[in-house]
Structure formats: C-alpha cells, structure tokens
Amino acid sequence: MDLRGTPSSPGAAASVMPWFQPTPDTDAGQSMTENVVKFPTNDKTPEEILKHALEMGLTDVIVIGYQPCGCEYRDTTLKDGPTALWLLERARHDLMHYDEGE
C-alpha cells in the first residue's frame, strides 16, 4: 500500500518517498537483523517510574507516554524547545548505545 492506503507495486514507495530505497536482506551478505539495535526493557509501571522521579527531586522533566485510549501524551516543565530537544537527544543517544552485555 502507498501512503494513501491504496495498493501499490513494490517500487512505488521510491516514487512517493525518494529517499526510501529497499534493499534485499542478502545485500552485502548481511541480514537486516544484524543492524537492529536492542533497546533496554523493563517491567516497571508508570506509577513506579513517576514516583521515583519525584523522589529524585528533579528540577525539570519531560513526560512522554500513551493514554489508555492509545493517544500520545507529552508535557514538559522546560520553557524552551532547544533545551527539551537536547535532553531528548541525550536520551535517544543513551538508548542507541545501550549494551545488554551480550
């Protein structure tokens, strides 16, 4: 399907999204799963995480999550976008460089 939800041919994505160039799994002898980053997981509840954050005495926060209806929720105490983005990018960096010790 294309971006409008209508059936399309395998090469149609390249015309809608010119930066998207699908490559076969066998490209250069590597499977696509070899390049997948494994993110950390946990089984904490939102209540546990928020309680811990309150106990830390944080000066600023960014809260991102899902409501029971599946809608996204975002809020922050930060007053400027660049600072919020910097904090989010640092968190992204930590996730991308997480090592489970495998």
C-alpha atoms as a PDB file:
ATOM      1  CA  MET A   1       0.000   0.000   0.000  1.00  0.00           C
ATOM      2  CA  ASP A   2       1.135   3.531  -0.590  1.00  0.00           C
ATOM      3  CA  LEU A   3       0.919   6.445   1.848  1.00  0.00           C
ATOM      4  CA  ARG A   4      -2.729   6.979   0.926  1.00  0.00           C
ATOM      5  CA  GLY A   5      -3.578   3.344   1.834  1.00  0.00           C
ATOM      6  CA  THR A   6      -4.079   2.152  -1.746  1.00  0.00           C
ATOM      7  CA  PRO A   7      -2.346  -0.935  -3.164  1.00  0.00           C
ATOM      8  CA  SER A   8       0.915  -0.232  -4.925  1.00  0.00           C
ATOM      9  CA  SER A   9       3.775  -2.074  -6.531  1.00  0.00           C
ATOM     10  CA  PRO A  10       6.991  -2.812  -4.552  1.00  0.00           C
ATOM     11  CA  GLY A  11       8.825   0.020  -6.300  1.00  0.00           C
ATOM     12  CA  ALA A  12       6.073   2.569  -5.698  1.00  0.00           C
ATOM     13  CA  ALA A  13       7.486   3.563  -2.308  1.00  0.00           C
ATOM     14  CA  ALA A  14      10.545   5.002  -4.023  1.00  0.00           C
ATOM     15  CA  SER A  15       8.369   7.352  -6.089  1.00  0.00           C
ATOM     16  CA  VAL A  16       6.394   8.549  -3.045  1.00  0.00           C
ATOM     17  CA  MET A  17       9.439   8.602  -0.730  1.00  0.00           C
ATOM     18  CA  PRO A  18      12.506   9.121  -2.979  1.00  0.00           C
ATOM     19  CA  TRP A  19      14.888   8.628  -0.036  1.00  0.00           C
ATOM     20  CA  PHE A  20      13.486   5.104   0.532  1.00  0.00           C
ATOM     21  CA  GLN A  21      15.404   2.526  -1.422  1.00  0.00           C
ATOM     22  CA  PRO A  22      14.570  -1.011  -0.278  1.00  0.00           C
ATOM     23  CA  THR A  23      17.477  -3.438  -0.246  1.00  0.00           C
ATOM     24  CA  PRO A  24      17.210  -7.200  -0.094  1.00  0.00           C
ATOM     25  CA  ASP A  25      18.131  -8.982   3.157  1.00  0.00           C
ATOM     26  CA  THR A  26      21.012 -10.616   1.343  1.00  0.00           C
ATOM     27  CA  ASP A  27      22.642  -7.303   0.359  1.00  0.00           C
ATOM     28  CA  ALA A  28      26.394  -7.497   1.125  1.00  0.00           C
ATOM     29  CA  GLY A  29      25.886 -10.882   2.783  1.00  0.00           C
ATOM     30  CA  GLN A  30      24.189  -9.426   5.882  1.00  0.00           C
ATOM     31  CA  SER A  31      20.706  -9.990   7.173  1.00  0.00           C
ATOM     32  CA  MET A  32      18.727  -6.921   8.185  1.00  0.00           C
ATOM     33  CA  THR A  33      18.564  -8.168  11.791  1.00  0.00           C
ATOM     34  CA  GLU A  34      22.333  -7.738  12.163  1.00  0.00           C
ATOM     35  CA  ASN A  35      21.836  -3.953  12.167  1.00  0.00           C
ATOM     36  CA  VAL A  36      18.965  -3.891  14.686  1.00  0.00           C
ATOM     37  CA  VAL A  37      19.669  -2.114  17.966  1.00  0.00           C
ATOM     38  CA  LYS A  38      18.264  -3.912  21.018  1.00  0.00           C
ATOM     39  CA  PHE A  39      16.663  -1.404  23.353  1.00  0.00           C
ATOM     40  CA  PRO A  40      16.533  -1.866  27.115  1.00  0.00           C
ATOM     41  CA  THR A  41      13.298  -3.194  28.500  1.00  0.00           C
ATOM     42  CA  ASN A  42      11.748  -3.097  31.938  1.00  0.00           C
ATOM     43  CA  ASP A  43       8.574  -4.135  33.644  1.00  0.00           C
ATOM     44  CA  LYS A  44       8.049  -1.028  35.768  1.00  0.00           C
ATOM     45  CA  THR A  45       4.672   0.658  35.875  1.00  0.00           C
ATOM     46  CA  PRO A  46       4.196   4.349  35.075  1.00  0.00           C
ATOM     47  CA  GLU A  47       3.382   4.876  38.760  1.00  0.00           C
ATOM     48  CA  GLU A  48       6.733   3.389  39.834  1.00  0.00           C
ATOM     49  CA  ILE A  49       8.706   5.493  37.372  1.00  0.00           C
ATOM     50  CA  LEU A  50       6.893   8.723  38.247  1.00  0.00           C
ATOM     51  CA  LYS A  51       7.251   8.038  41.984  1.00  0.00           C
ATOM     52  CA  HIS A  52      10.989   7.506  41.558  1.00  0.00           C
ATOM     53  CA  ALA A  53      11.259  10.709  39.522  1.00  0.00           C
ATOM     54  CA  LEU A  54       9.523  12.646  42.306  1.00  0.00           C
ATOM     55  CA  GLU A  55      11.880  11.163  44.891  1.00  0.00           C
ATOM     56  CA  MET A  56      14.883  12.323  42.815  1.00  0.00           C
ATOM     57  CA  GLY A  57      13.851  15.969  43.247  1.00  0.00           C
ATOM     58  CA  LEU A  58      14.168  16.744  39.544  1.00  0.00           C
ATOM     59  CA  THR A  59      14.276  20.398  38.554  1.00  0.00           C
ATOM     60  CA  ASP A  60      12.797  19.870  35.070  1.00  0.00           C
ATOM     61  CA  VAL A  61      11.021  16.975  33.385  1.00  0.00           C
ATOM     62  CA  ILE A  62       9.710  15.753  30.069  1.00  0.00           C
ATOM     63  CA  VAL A  63       6.879  13.220  30.238  1.00  0.00           C
ATOM     64  CA  ILE A  64       6.060  11.159  27.154  1.00  0.00           C
ATOM     65  CA  GLY A  65       3.642   8.267  27.115  1.00  0.00           C
ATOM     66  CA  TYR A  66       0.426   6.697  25.941  1.00  0.00           C
ATOM     67  CA  GLN A  67      -3.016   7.260  27.390  1.00  0.00           C
ATOM     68  CA  PRO A  68      -5.341   4.255  27.859  1.00  0.00           C
ATOM     69  CA  CYS A  69      -7.049   5.174  24.567  1.00  0.00           C
ATOM     70  CA  GLY A  70      -3.699   4.801  22.769  1.00  0.00           C
ATOM     71  CA  CYS A  71      -3.292   8.554  22.227  1.00  0.00           C
ATOM     72  CA  GLU A  72       0.109  10.086  22.867  1.00  0.00           C
ATOM     73  CA  TYR A  73       0.684  12.317  25.875  1.00  0.00           C
ATOM     74  CA  ARG A  74       3.513  14.861  26.092  1.00  0.00           C
ATOM     75  CA  ASP A  75       4.239  17.576  28.622  1.00  0.00           C
ATOM     76  CA  THR A  76       7.296  19.344  29.967  1.00  0.00           C
ATOM     77  CA  THR A  77       8.367  21.912  32.509  1.00  0.00           C
ATOM     78  CA  LEU A  78      11.070  23.187  30.148  1.00  0.00           C
ATOM     79  CA  LYS A  79      10.395  26.633  28.782  1.00  0.00           C
ATOM     80  CA  ASP A  80      12.417  26.437  25.564  1.00  0.00           C
ATOM     81  CA  GLY A  81      12.415  23.928  22.723  1.00  0.00           C
ATOM     82  CA  PRO A  82      16.197  23.681  22.243  1.00  0.00           C
ATOM     83  CA  THR A  83      16.750  22.557  25.840  1.00  0.00           C
ATOM     84  CA  ALA A  84      13.941  19.993  25.598  1.00  0.00           C
ATOM     85  CA  LEU A  85      15.333  18.713  22.304  1.00  0.00           C
ATOM     86  CA  TRP A  86      18.835  18.468  23.785  1.00  0.00           C
ATOM     87  CA  LEU A  87      17.527  16.362  26.673  1.00  0.00           C
ATOM     88  CA  LEU A  88      15.530  14.133  24.309  1.00  0.00           C
ATOM     89  CA  GLU A  89      18.550  13.661  22.029  1.00  0.00           C
ATOM     90  CA  ARG A  90      20.727  12.693  25.004  1.00  0.00           C
ATOM     91  CA  ALA A  91      18.119  10.089  25.986  1.00  0.00           C
ATOM     92  CA  ARG A  92      17.999   8.864  22.370  1.00  0.00           C
ATOM     93  CA  HIS A  93      21.788   8.570  22.328  1.00  0.00           C
ATOM     94  CA  ASP A  94      21.730   6.511  25.527  1.00  0.00           C
ATOM     95  CA  LEU A  95      19.113   4.172  24.053  1.00  0.00           C
ATOM     96  CA  MET A  96      21.039   3.759  20.802  1.00  0.00           C
ATOM     97  CA  HIS A  97      24.246   2.931  22.669  1.00  0.00           C
ATOM     98  CA  TYR A  98      22.705   0.692  25.315  1.00  0.00           C
ATOM     99  CA  ASP A  99      24.700  -2.517  25.797  1.00  0.00           C
ATOM    100  CA  GLU A 100      22.985  -5.511  27.342  1.00  0.00           C
ATOM    101  CA  GLY A 101      26.348  -7.189  27.786  1.00  0.00           C
ATOM    102  CA  GLU A 102      25.816  -9.790  25.087  1.00  0.00           C
END
